[in-house]
Protein backbone atom coordinates (compact mmCIF):
# COMPACT_ATOMS: atom_id res chain seq x y z
CA MET A 1 0.00 0.00 0.00
CA SER A 2 1.49 3.36 -1.05
CA ARG A 3 1.91 6.04 1.58
CA THR A 4 -0.10 9.22 1.85
CA PRO A 5 1.18 11.83 -0.63
CA ASN A 6 2.96 14.93 0.58
CA LEU A 7 0.94 18.14 0.61
CA LEU A 8 2.24 21.51 -0.61
CA VAL A 9 -0.07 24.45 0.21
CA ILE A 10 0.77 27.76 -1.47
CA LEU A 11 -1.14 30.86 -0.35
CA SER A 12 -0.56 34.19 -2.08
CA ASP A 13 -1.84 37.55 -0.88
CA GLN A 14 -4.52 39.71 -2.52
CA HIS A 15 -4.81 37.71 -5.76
CA GLN A 16 -8.01 38.57 -7.59
CA ALA A 17 -9.85 35.37 -8.59
CA GLN A 18 -10.21 36.36 -12.24
CA ALA A 19 -6.56 37.40 -12.63
CA LEU A 20 -5.65 34.02 -14.09
CA SER A 21 -5.25 33.23 -17.75
CA CYS A 22 -6.97 29.87 -17.15
CA ALA A 23 -9.97 31.86 -15.82
CA GLY A 24 -10.21 33.72 -19.10
CA HIS A 25 -8.61 37.02 -18.13
CA PRO A 26 -7.96 39.06 -21.28
CA VAL A 27 -4.33 39.97 -20.48
CA VAL A 28 -3.00 38.27 -17.34
CA ARG A 29 -0.49 35.49 -17.95
CA THR A 30 -0.14 32.79 -15.31
CA PRO A 31 1.33 29.74 -17.09
CA ASN A 32 2.42 27.94 -13.94
CA LEU A 33 -0.91 28.21 -12.17
CA ASP A 34 -2.57 27.24 -15.45
CA ALA A 35 -0.45 24.08 -15.46
CA LEU A 36 -1.72 23.19 -11.98
CA ALA A 37 -5.29 23.80 -13.11
CA ASP A 38 -4.75 21.71 -16.25
CA ARG A 39 -4.02 18.60 -14.20
CA GLY A 40 -6.30 19.36 -11.25
CA THR A 41 -9.56 21.06 -10.33
CA ARG A 42 -10.15 24.81 -10.34
CA PHE A 43 -12.94 25.87 -7.99
CA THR A 44 -14.57 28.73 -9.86
CA GLU A 45 -16.76 30.06 -7.04
CA ALA A 46 -14.43 30.27 -4.04
CA TYR A 47 -14.48 33.00 -1.37
CA THR A 48 -12.50 34.30 1.56
CA PRO A 49 -13.94 34.08 5.10
CA SER A 50 -13.01 37.79 5.46
CA PRO A 51 -11.65 40.23 2.86
CA ILE A 52 -8.64 41.37 4.88
CA CYS A 53 -5.41 39.57 5.75
CA VAL A 54 -5.31 38.79 9.47
CA PRO A 55 -8.90 37.59 10.07
CA ALA A 56 -8.85 35.54 6.86
CA ARG A 57 -5.64 33.82 7.89
CA ALA A 58 -6.84 33.17 11.44
CA ALA A 59 -10.01 31.62 10.04
CA PHE A 60 -7.94 29.51 7.64
CA ALA A 61 -5.67 28.33 10.46
CA THR A 62 -8.60 27.13 12.54
CA GLY A 63 -11.21 26.23 9.92
CA ARG A 64 -13.73 28.42 11.74
CA TYR A 65 -15.65 31.58 10.92
CA VAL A 66 -14.19 34.89 12.08
CA HIS A 67 -17.09 35.46 14.49
CA GLN A 68 -16.48 32.02 16.04
CA ILE A 69 -12.86 32.79 16.89
CA ARG A 70 -13.37 36.56 17.41
CA ARG A 71 -10.28 37.57 15.45
CA TRP A 72 -12.02 40.56 13.95
CA ASP A 73 -9.36 42.71 12.35
CA ASN A 74 -5.69 43.26 11.61
CA ALA A 75 -4.95 43.93 15.29
CA MET A 76 -6.33 40.57 16.48
CA PRO A 77 -3.96 37.98 15.01
CA TYR A 78 -4.01 34.23 15.53
CA THR A 79 -2.14 33.13 18.65
CA GLY A 80 -2.61 29.36 18.38
CA GLN A 81 -6.06 29.21 19.96
CA PRO A 82 -8.30 27.57 19.07
CA ARG A 83 -6.14 24.75 17.79
CA GLY A 84 -6.07 24.37 14.03
CA TRP A 85 -5.09 22.03 11.23
CA GLY A 86 -1.37 22.38 11.98
CA HIS A 87 -1.87 21.10 15.52
CA ALA A 88 -3.93 18.19 14.21
CA LEU A 89 -1.11 17.20 11.86
CA GLN A 90 1.41 17.44 14.68
CA ASP A 91 -0.81 15.18 16.79
CA LYS A 92 -0.46 12.54 14.06
CA GLY A 93 3.29 12.97 13.83
CA ILE A 94 3.17 14.62 10.38
CA ARG A 95 6.06 16.94 9.62
CA VAL A 96 4.44 20.36 9.11
CA GLU A 97 6.44 23.54 8.49
CA SER A 98 5.82 27.02 7.08
CA ILE A 99 7.85 29.32 4.89
CA GLY A 100 6.88 32.96 4.41
CA LYS A 101 3.87 35.06 5.33
CA LEU A 102 1.55 33.85 8.06
CA HIS A 103 0.39 37.15 9.58
CA TYR A 104 -0.15 35.60 13.01
CA ARG A 105 0.88 37.28 16.28
CA GLN A 106 4.48 36.20 16.76
CA THR A 107 6.93 33.38 16.11
CA GLY A 108 6.94 32.11 19.70
CA ASP A 109 3.24 31.19 19.70
CA ASP A 110 2.31 27.53 19.23
CA THR A 111 0.42 27.88 15.95
CA GLY A 112 0.81 24.33 14.68
CA PHE A 113 4.13 24.42 12.80
CA ASP A 114 7.24 22.45 13.73
CA VAL A 115 9.31 25.28 12.24
CA GLN A 116 8.40 28.71 10.86
CA HIS A 117 10.96 29.77 8.24
CA ILE A 118 11.36 33.56 7.71
CA PRO A 119 7.78 34.20 8.87
CA MET A 120 5.98 37.50 8.40
CA HIS A 121 3.77 38.39 11.36
CA VAL A 122 1.94 41.54 12.46
CA VAL A 123 4.12 44.43 13.60
CA ASP A 124 5.36 44.05 17.19
CA GLY A 125 2.76 41.36 17.84
CA LYS A 126 0.07 44.07 17.79
CA GLY A 127 -0.83 44.83 14.21
CA MET A 128 -2.99 47.65 12.84
CA VAL A 129 -4.53 48.82 16.13
CA TRP A 130 -5.57 52.17 14.71
CA GLY A 131 -7.86 50.36 12.27
CA SER A 132 -9.87 48.95 15.17
CA ILE A 133 -11.14 52.47 15.96
CA ARG A 134 -13.99 52.42 13.48
CA ARG A 135 -17.10 54.01 14.98
CA GLU A 136 -18.01 56.78 12.59
CA ASP A 137 -17.52 59.57 15.10
CA GLN A 138 -14.19 58.17 16.35
CA ARG A 139 -12.47 56.30 13.57
CA VAL A 140 -9.01 57.13 12.31
CA TYR A 141 -8.33 58.17 8.73
CA LYS A 142 -4.86 57.53 7.32
CA ARG A 143 -5.13 60.22 4.70
CA GLU A 144 -1.41 60.89 4.60
CA VAL A 145 -0.68 57.41 3.23
CA ARG A 146 -1.74 56.18 -0.20
CA MET A 147 -3.09 52.67 0.22
CA MET A 148 -1.36 51.15 -2.80
CA GLY A 149 2.06 52.65 -2.06
CA ASP A 150 3.82 55.95 -2.60
CA VAL A 151 5.51 54.67 -5.77
CA VAL A 152 3.97 52.43 -8.45
CA GLY A 153 5.44 50.85 -11.56
CA PRO A 154 8.54 48.81 -12.42
CA GLY A 155 11.21 48.17 -9.82
CA GLU A 156 12.00 46.23 -6.69
CA SER A 157 10.39 46.56 -3.26
CA SER A 158 10.90 44.97 0.14
CA TYR A 159 7.98 42.70 -0.77
CA THR A 160 9.46 41.41 -4.03
CA LYS A 161 12.77 40.82 -2.24
CA TYR A 162 10.94 38.93 0.48
CA ASP A 163 9.10 36.75 -2.03
CA ALA A 164 12.41 35.95 -3.71
CA ALA A 165 13.76 34.82 -0.33
CA VAL A 166 10.62 32.80 0.45
CA THR A 167 10.80 31.10 -2.95
CA GLN A 168 14.48 30.25 -2.57
CA ARG A 169 13.96 28.90 0.94
CA SER A 170 11.09 26.77 -0.37
CA CYS A 171 13.25 25.37 -3.16
CA ASP A 172 16.03 24.58 -0.68
CA TRP A 173 13.56 22.96 1.72
CA LEU A 174 12.20 20.70 -1.01
CA ALA A 175 15.72 19.65 -2.01
CA GLU A 176 16.52 18.84 1.61
CA ALA A 177 13.31 16.81 1.97
CA ALA A 178 14.17 14.59 -1.01
CA GLY A 179 13.95 10.92 -0.13
CA ALA A 180 11.84 11.46 2.98
CA GLU A 181 10.08 8.23 3.86
CA ALA A 182 7.22 9.87 5.77
CA PRO A 183 4.74 12.33 4.21
CA TRP A 184 5.11 16.02 4.96
CA CYS A 185 3.01 19.16 4.74
CA LEU A 186 4.68 22.40 3.67
CA TYR A 187 2.85 25.74 3.74
CA VAL A 188 4.34 28.52 1.60
CA GLY A 189 3.09 32.10 2.04
CA LEU A 190 3.91 34.52 -0.81
CA VAL A 191 3.05 38.23 -0.53
CA ALA A 192 2.63 39.15 -4.21
CA PRO A 193 0.48 40.58 -5.73
CA HIS A 194 -0.23 42.55 -2.52
CA HIS A 195 0.74 46.23 -2.73
CA PRO A 196 3.07 48.18 -2.90
CA LEU A 197 2.39 48.03 -6.62
CA ILE A 198 6.00 47.77 -7.71
CA ALA A 199 6.70 44.86 -10.06
CA PRO A 200 10.05 43.52 -11.31
CA PRO A 201 10.63 45.20 -14.70
CA GLU A 202 10.56 42.02 -16.76
CA PHE A 203 7.07 41.27 -15.44
CA TYR A 204 5.82 44.86 -15.47
CA ASP A 205 6.81 45.13 -19.12
CA MET A 206 4.42 42.28 -19.97
CA TYR A 207 1.51 44.71 -19.53
CA PRO A 208 1.74 47.91 -21.63
CA THR A 209 -0.66 50.45 -20.20
CA ASP A 210 -2.31 51.05 -23.57
CA GLU A 211 -3.23 47.36 -23.85
CA LEU A 212 -4.97 46.95 -20.51
CA PRO A 213 -8.69 46.07 -20.43
CA ALA A 214 -11.20 48.87 -20.00
CA ASP A 215 -12.04 50.03 -16.49
CA LYS A 216 -15.26 48.71 -15.00
CA MET A 217 -18.08 50.65 -13.35
CA ARG A 218 -16.11 53.72 -12.38
CA GLY A 219 -19.21 55.88 -12.72
CA LEU A 220 -21.55 53.58 -10.79
CA PRO A 221 -22.96 55.13 -7.58
CA ARG A 222 -21.47 53.38 -4.56
CA HIS A 223 -23.46 51.84 -1.74
CA PRO A 224 -23.32 54.17 1.31
CA TRP A 225 -21.60 51.57 3.52
CA VAL A 226 -18.95 51.02 0.84
CA ASP A 227 -18.50 54.76 0.38
CA LYS A 228 -17.86 55.26 4.09
CA THR A 229 -15.44 52.33 4.19
CA ALA A 230 -13.50 53.60 1.17
CA ALA A 231 -13.08 57.00 2.83
CA ALA A 232 -10.89 55.56 5.59
CA MET A 233 -7.79 55.31 3.37
CA VAL A 234 -6.56 57.07 0.24
CA GLY A 235 -7.70 55.08 -2.77
CA GLU A 236 -9.00 56.31 -6.11
CA GLU A 237 -8.33 59.98 -5.42
CA GLY A 238 -4.69 59.23 -4.61
CA TRP A 239 -3.49 58.98 -8.21
CA THR A 240 -1.75 61.96 -9.76
CA ASP A 241 -3.38 61.32 -13.16
CA GLU A 242 -5.01 58.63 -15.30
CA GLU A 243 -1.67 57.34 -16.57
CA GLU A 244 -0.37 56.68 -13.05
CA ARG A 245 -3.58 54.81 -12.35
CA ARG A 246 -2.97 52.59 -15.39
CA VAL A 247 0.62 52.07 -14.30
CA ALA A 248 -0.68 50.80 -10.95
CA ILE A 249 -2.93 48.28 -12.69
CA ALA A 250 -0.07 47.13 -14.93
CA ALA A 251 2.11 46.71 -11.84
CA TYR A 252 -0.56 44.58 -10.15
CA TYR A 253 -0.73 42.29 -13.17
CA GLY A 254 3.07 42.23 -13.26
CA LEU A 255 3.17 41.18 -9.63
CA THR A 256 0.62 38.48 -10.41
CA SER A 257 2.90 37.08 -13.12
CA TYR A 258 5.89 37.45 -10.77
CA MET A 259 4.04 35.41 -8.15
CA ASP A 260 3.14 32.84 -10.81
CA ASP A 261 6.82 32.60 -11.79
CA ASN A 262 7.74 31.94 -8.16
CA VAL A 263 5.12 29.18 -8.04
CA GLY A 264 6.76 27.74 -11.14
CA ARG A 265 10.18 27.81 -9.49
CA ILE A 266 8.81 25.99 -6.45
CA VAL A 267 7.12 23.32 -8.58
CA ALA A 268 10.34 22.92 -10.60
CA ALA A 269 12.26 22.37 -7.36
CA LEU A 270 9.67 19.81 -6.30
CA LYS A 271 10.24 17.94 -9.56
CA ALA A 272 14.02 18.17 -9.24
CA SER A 273 13.78 16.67 -5.75
CA GLY A 274 11.98 13.60 -7.11
CA GLN A 275 8.86 14.27 -5.01
CA PHE A 276 6.53 15.76 -7.61
CA GLU A 277 4.78 12.49 -8.46
CA ASN A 278 3.85 11.95 -4.82
CA THR A 279 2.85 15.50 -3.83
CA THR A 280 -0.58 17.12 -3.97
CA ILE A 281 -0.50 20.90 -4.49
CA ILE A 282 -3.16 23.37 -3.35
CA TYR A 283 -3.03 27.00 -4.45
CA SER A 284 -5.20 29.85 -3.16
CA SER A 285 -5.07 33.40 -1.81
CA ASP A 286 -6.31 35.07 1.37
CA HIS A 287 -8.60 37.54 -0.48
CA GLY A 288 -8.84 39.51 -3.71
CA GLU A 289 -8.22 43.07 -4.91
CA SER A 290 -10.68 45.68 -6.23
CA LEU A 291 -8.09 47.22 -8.58
CA GLY A 292 -10.11 50.30 -9.45
CA THR A 293 -13.47 48.65 -10.08
CA ARG A 294 -16.18 51.00 -8.73
CA ASN A 295 -13.29 53.40 -8.01
CA LEU A 296 -12.21 51.07 -5.19
CA TRP A 297 -8.69 49.90 -4.34
CA GLY A 298 -7.53 47.18 -1.97
CA LYS A 299 -9.89 44.69 -0.37
CA MET A 300 -12.44 45.33 2.42
CA THR A 301 -15.65 44.84 0.41
CA MET A 302 -17.84 41.85 -0.44
CA TYR A 303 -17.86 42.39 -4.20
CA GLU A 304 -16.40 39.65 -6.39
CA GLU A 305 -13.09 41.44 -7.02
CA SER A 306 -12.37 41.58 -3.29
CA ALA A 307 -14.14 38.61 -1.68
CA LYS A 308 -13.66 35.97 -4.37
CA ILE A 309 -10.41 33.99 -4.44
CA PRO A 310 -8.57 31.66 -6.82
CA LEU A 311 -8.53 28.02 -5.70
CA ILE A 312 -6.80 25.11 -7.44
CA VAL A 313 -6.23 21.55 -6.22
CA ALA A 314 -3.77 19.44 -8.23
CA PRO A 315 -3.65 15.83 -6.92
CA ALA A 316 -0.39 13.92 -6.73
CA PRO A 317 0.12 12.21 -10.12
CA SER A 318 0.89 8.93 -8.30
CA LEU A 319 -2.75 8.78 -7.19
CA GLY A 320 -3.87 8.35 -10.79
CA ALA A 321 -7.00 10.27 -9.87
CA SER A 322 -9.46 11.46 -12.47
CA VAL A 323 -10.77 14.82 -11.28
CA PRO A 324 -13.06 17.41 -12.87
CA ALA A 325 -11.33 20.36 -14.49
CA LEU A 326 -13.81 22.78 -12.93
CA CYS A 327 -16.04 22.73 -9.86
CA ALA A 328 -18.77 25.38 -9.62
CA THR A 329 -19.95 24.45 -6.13
CA PRO A 330 -19.38 27.48 -3.87
CA ALA A 331 -16.25 26.95 -1.79
CA SER A 332 -14.24 28.77 0.86
CA LEU A 333 -10.75 29.04 2.28
CA LEU A 334 -12.23 27.13 5.23
CA ASP A 335 -12.65 24.18 2.87
CA VAL A 336 -8.90 24.22 2.31
CA SER A 337 -8.50 23.78 6.08
CA GLU A 338 -10.74 20.71 5.97
CA THR A 339 -8.90 19.36 2.93
CA ILE A 340 -5.59 19.44 4.80
CA LEU A 341 -7.16 17.49 7.65
CA ASP A 342 -8.80 15.07 5.23
CA HIS A 343 -5.59 14.57 3.28
CA PHE A 344 -3.80 13.23 6.36
CA LYS A 345 -6.93 11.79 8.03
CA ALA A 346 -6.11 14.00 11.01
CA PRO A 347 -8.95 14.60 13.51
CA LEU A 348 -9.51 18.05 15.02
CA GLU A 349 -11.90 18.66 17.88
CA GLY A 350 -14.80 21.07 17.47
CA GLU A 351 -17.40 21.74 14.81
CA ARG A 352 -16.31 23.57 11.68
CA PRO A 353 -18.31 24.69 8.63
CA GLY A 354 -15.90 23.57 5.91
CA GLN A 355 -15.89 20.47 3.74
CA SER A 356 -13.00 18.69 2.06
CA LEU A 357 -12.41 19.94 -1.46
CA TYR A 358 -11.75 16.33 -2.43
CA ASP A 359 -15.37 15.56 -1.55
CA LEU A 360 -16.74 18.69 -3.24
CA ALA A 361 -14.91 17.92 -6.47
CA ALA A 362 -16.03 14.28 -6.45
CA ARG A 363 -19.74 15.03 -6.63
CA PRO A 364 -21.95 17.08 -8.97
CA ALA A 365 -22.20 20.82 -8.46
CA ASP A 366 -24.35 21.62 -5.44
CA PRO A 367 -26.53 24.68 -6.12
CA GLU A 368 -27.75 24.78 -2.52
CA ARG A 369 -24.39 24.95 -0.79
CA ALA A 370 -23.80 28.34 0.84
CA VAL A 371 -20.51 30.02 1.69
CA PHE A 372 -20.16 32.92 4.08
CA SER A 373 -17.84 35.87 4.62
CA GLU A 374 -17.77 38.78 7.08
CA TYR A 375 -15.87 42.04 7.61
CA HIS A 376 -15.37 44.01 10.85
CA ALA A 377 -12.08 45.78 10.23
CA VAL A 378 -10.52 49.08 9.14
CA GLY A 379 -12.97 51.57 7.69
CA ALA A 380 -16.15 49.62 8.44
CA VAL A 381 -18.64 51.67 10.45
CA SER A 382 -20.61 48.43 10.96
CA GLY A 383 -20.28 44.77 10.11
CA ALA A 384 -20.74 43.46 6.57
CA PHE A 385 -21.84 39.88 5.89
CA MET A 386 -21.91 37.98 2.60
CA LEU A 387 -23.73 34.80 1.64
CA ARG A 388 -23.26 33.11 -1.74
CA ARG A 389 -25.65 30.32 -2.71
CA GLY A 390 -26.41 29.22 -6.25
CA ARG A 391 -26.97 32.19 -8.54
CA TRP A 392 -27.64 34.59 -5.66
CA LYS A 393 -25.33 36.66 -3.55
CA LEU A 394 -26.53 38.62 -0.51
CA ILE A 395 -24.53 41.38 1.18
CA HIS A 396 -26.00 42.37 4.54
CA TYR A 397 -24.77 45.61 6.12
CA VAL A 398 -25.75 46.28 9.71
CA GLY A 399 -27.67 49.57 9.74
CA PHE A 400 -27.68 49.94 5.93
CA PRO A 401 -29.82 48.56 3.08
CA PRO A 402 -28.77 45.14 1.75
CA GLU A 403 -27.50 44.28 -1.70
CA LEU A 404 -28.72 41.26 -3.65
CA PHE A 405 -27.11 40.21 -6.91
CA ASP A 406 -28.13 37.61 -9.46
CA LEU A 407 -24.67 36.49 -10.53
CA ALA A 408 -26.00 34.31 -13.33
CA ALA A 409 -27.57 37.29 -15.08
CA ASP A 410 -25.30 40.00 -13.65
CA PRO A 411 -21.78 38.65 -12.96
CA GLU A 412 -20.38 42.19 -12.64
CA GLU A 413 -22.80 43.01 -9.78
CA ALA A 414 -24.02 46.14 -11.49
CA VAL A 415 -27.70 45.89 -10.49
CA ASN A 416 -28.80 45.57 -6.85
CA ARG A 417 -32.01 43.49 -6.85
CA ALA A 418 -32.75 43.76 -3.11
CA ALA A 419 -35.63 46.20 -3.62
CA ASP A 420 -37.01 44.42 -6.71
CA PRO A 421 -40.44 42.89 -5.87
CA ALA A 422 -39.69 40.08 -8.29
CA CYS A 423 -36.76 39.05 -6.09
CA ALA A 424 -38.54 39.29 -2.72
CA GLY A 425 -38.64 35.52 -2.34
CA ALA A 426 -34.97 35.13 -3.15
CA LEU A 427 -34.06 37.93 -0.73
CA ALA A 428 -36.06 36.36 2.10
CA ALA A 429 -34.54 32.94 1.49
CA MET A 430 -31.00 34.33 1.45
CA GLN A 431 -31.60 36.38 4.61
CA ALA A 432 -32.93 33.29 6.38
CA ALA A 433 -29.90 31.28 5.28
CA LEU A 434 -27.58 34.02 6.54
CA ARG A 435 -29.29 34.11 9.93
CA ALA A 436 -28.98 30.33 10.16
CA ILE A 437 -25.22 30.94 10.33
CA CYS A 438 -25.21 33.95 12.67
CA ASP A 439 -27.19 36.88 14.01
CA PRO A 440 -25.50 39.77 12.18
CA GLU A 441 -26.53 42.42 14.71
CA ALA A 442 -25.32 40.35 17.68
CA VAL A 443 -22.04 39.59 15.93
CA ASP A 444 -21.58 43.27 15.07
CA ALA A 445 -22.11 44.23 18.72
CA GLN A 446 -19.62 41.58 19.89
CA ALA A 447 -16.99 42.79 17.43
CA PHE A 448 -17.31 46.38 18.62
CA ALA A 449 -17.22 45.27 22.27
CA ASP A 450 -14.03 43.26 21.75
CA GLN A 451 -12.39 46.09 19.83
CA ASP A 452 -13.41 48.63 22.48
CA ALA A 453 -11.84 46.44 25.16
CA MET A 454 -8.62 46.09 23.18
CA ILE A 455 -8.43 49.85 22.53
CA GLU A 456 -8.94 50.52 26.23
CA SER A 457 -6.18 48.03 27.09
CA TYR A 458 -3.75 50.20 25.13
CA GLY A 459 -4.79 53.30 27.07
CA GLY A 460 -7.68 54.60 24.98
CA THR A 461 -8.28 55.85 21.48
CA ALA A 462 -5.65 58.60 21.49
CA ILE A 463 -2.86 56.08 22.12
CA ALA A 464 -4.36 53.27 20.03
CA ALA A 465 -4.64 55.62 17.05
CA SER A 466 -0.84 55.73 16.80
CA ILE A 467 -0.21 51.96 16.97
CA GLY A 468 0.37 49.91 13.85
CA ALA A 469 1.74 50.16 10.33
CA PRO A 470 -0.19 52.75 8.25
CA SER A 471 -0.65 50.32 5.35
CA SER A 472 1.43 47.27 4.41
CA THR A 473 3.10 45.13 7.09
CA PRO A 474 6.89 45.34 6.65
CA PRO A 475 8.57 42.01 5.88
CA PRO A 476 11.09 40.45 8.28
CA LYS A 477 14.82 40.43 7.76
CA HIS A 478 15.88 37.49 5.61
């Protein structure tokens, strides 16, 4: 009987789900991710549990919703509790290590890895505390910092240097693991295409600004909750002119191809080590990127550009498995957590909402399966909750009107159907399904209470407002 295959999990940062050539993007080139998709399954309707780094990663670590673990924002990082998939693998004696970005609290915490190689965590173990001050009459605006970086275009940044180091360490690790008799699990965290939007020149040059696709919905009126959230940081109005804006988009696509190239280097090292045939590879990202759609930049919303994520599972060739090329059943990063547990048959105490992607891919598309996301972080004057089920997508904002989109007829989410009498039944059904997962108002109150307590622990809003990086977390020395 052959042993369990190794498992390589690669998580990028801020990769828009449609920014893949295998997803039909008109200009983006991702040949290495396409190669994974060609021999595996691409989940076309996958979402983040929260469209911001730290809560999404804490949810991924534990396999639980953000409101279940109460890691609400970028100042409430994962500390190792509750126990997650890494701990479950350790319990079974599986070698499990990480290389690169985790965005947890600090290296010394027991977060389920035997070794953390050059990890990126929140600044000083605290994170973006100022972003937790978000009541409308109190919240902090970082108007002196442009969200996507002071400089955009071709070049090298601390992030591209860090990814180069993460990729090299991953290649070295795989070479050192050659010949291992027992299966291993390696998590690799890349930061591209997260801003700053500075791409290595050879990748930036792949995307001439006059050949980029047309902008989408820049003149569309924004929902009031979204408008208030966007005001917290400098976004659309931060560009000096239209050309700089196009340069930023080209740089994002360049960073996407740079990330893809690093994935290719890692897979090549896996092949050179002789372990490719017996290694399953999972690729995903923590959340997406608005990239100017609706005049929005960054993440922080529940629209497809921000909340939807790429997700590919490529089984070990030695398994000889026949898998579907595409799976349209709604999926989540929490399903990746369950897949890791399923892969190694590792039990983990507690109830979790995810399902193994192996199981989802093995059965016909399930139109009734719902996936859920929530946001309680920087800029949000109240909680936002998203439910995707079948053709419908509900966005519930506490204290604001909801949005309901028919993604089959309106994949760009241009027409809010929440007030359409013809959609009243669909709206009621989606609201009931959302409330079967949580009480949005109660969760919103709990998030504010926890953030208030944390702010008070730092000495109040005046002190808390000065704690944390103004935008991107700086990478560690490597």
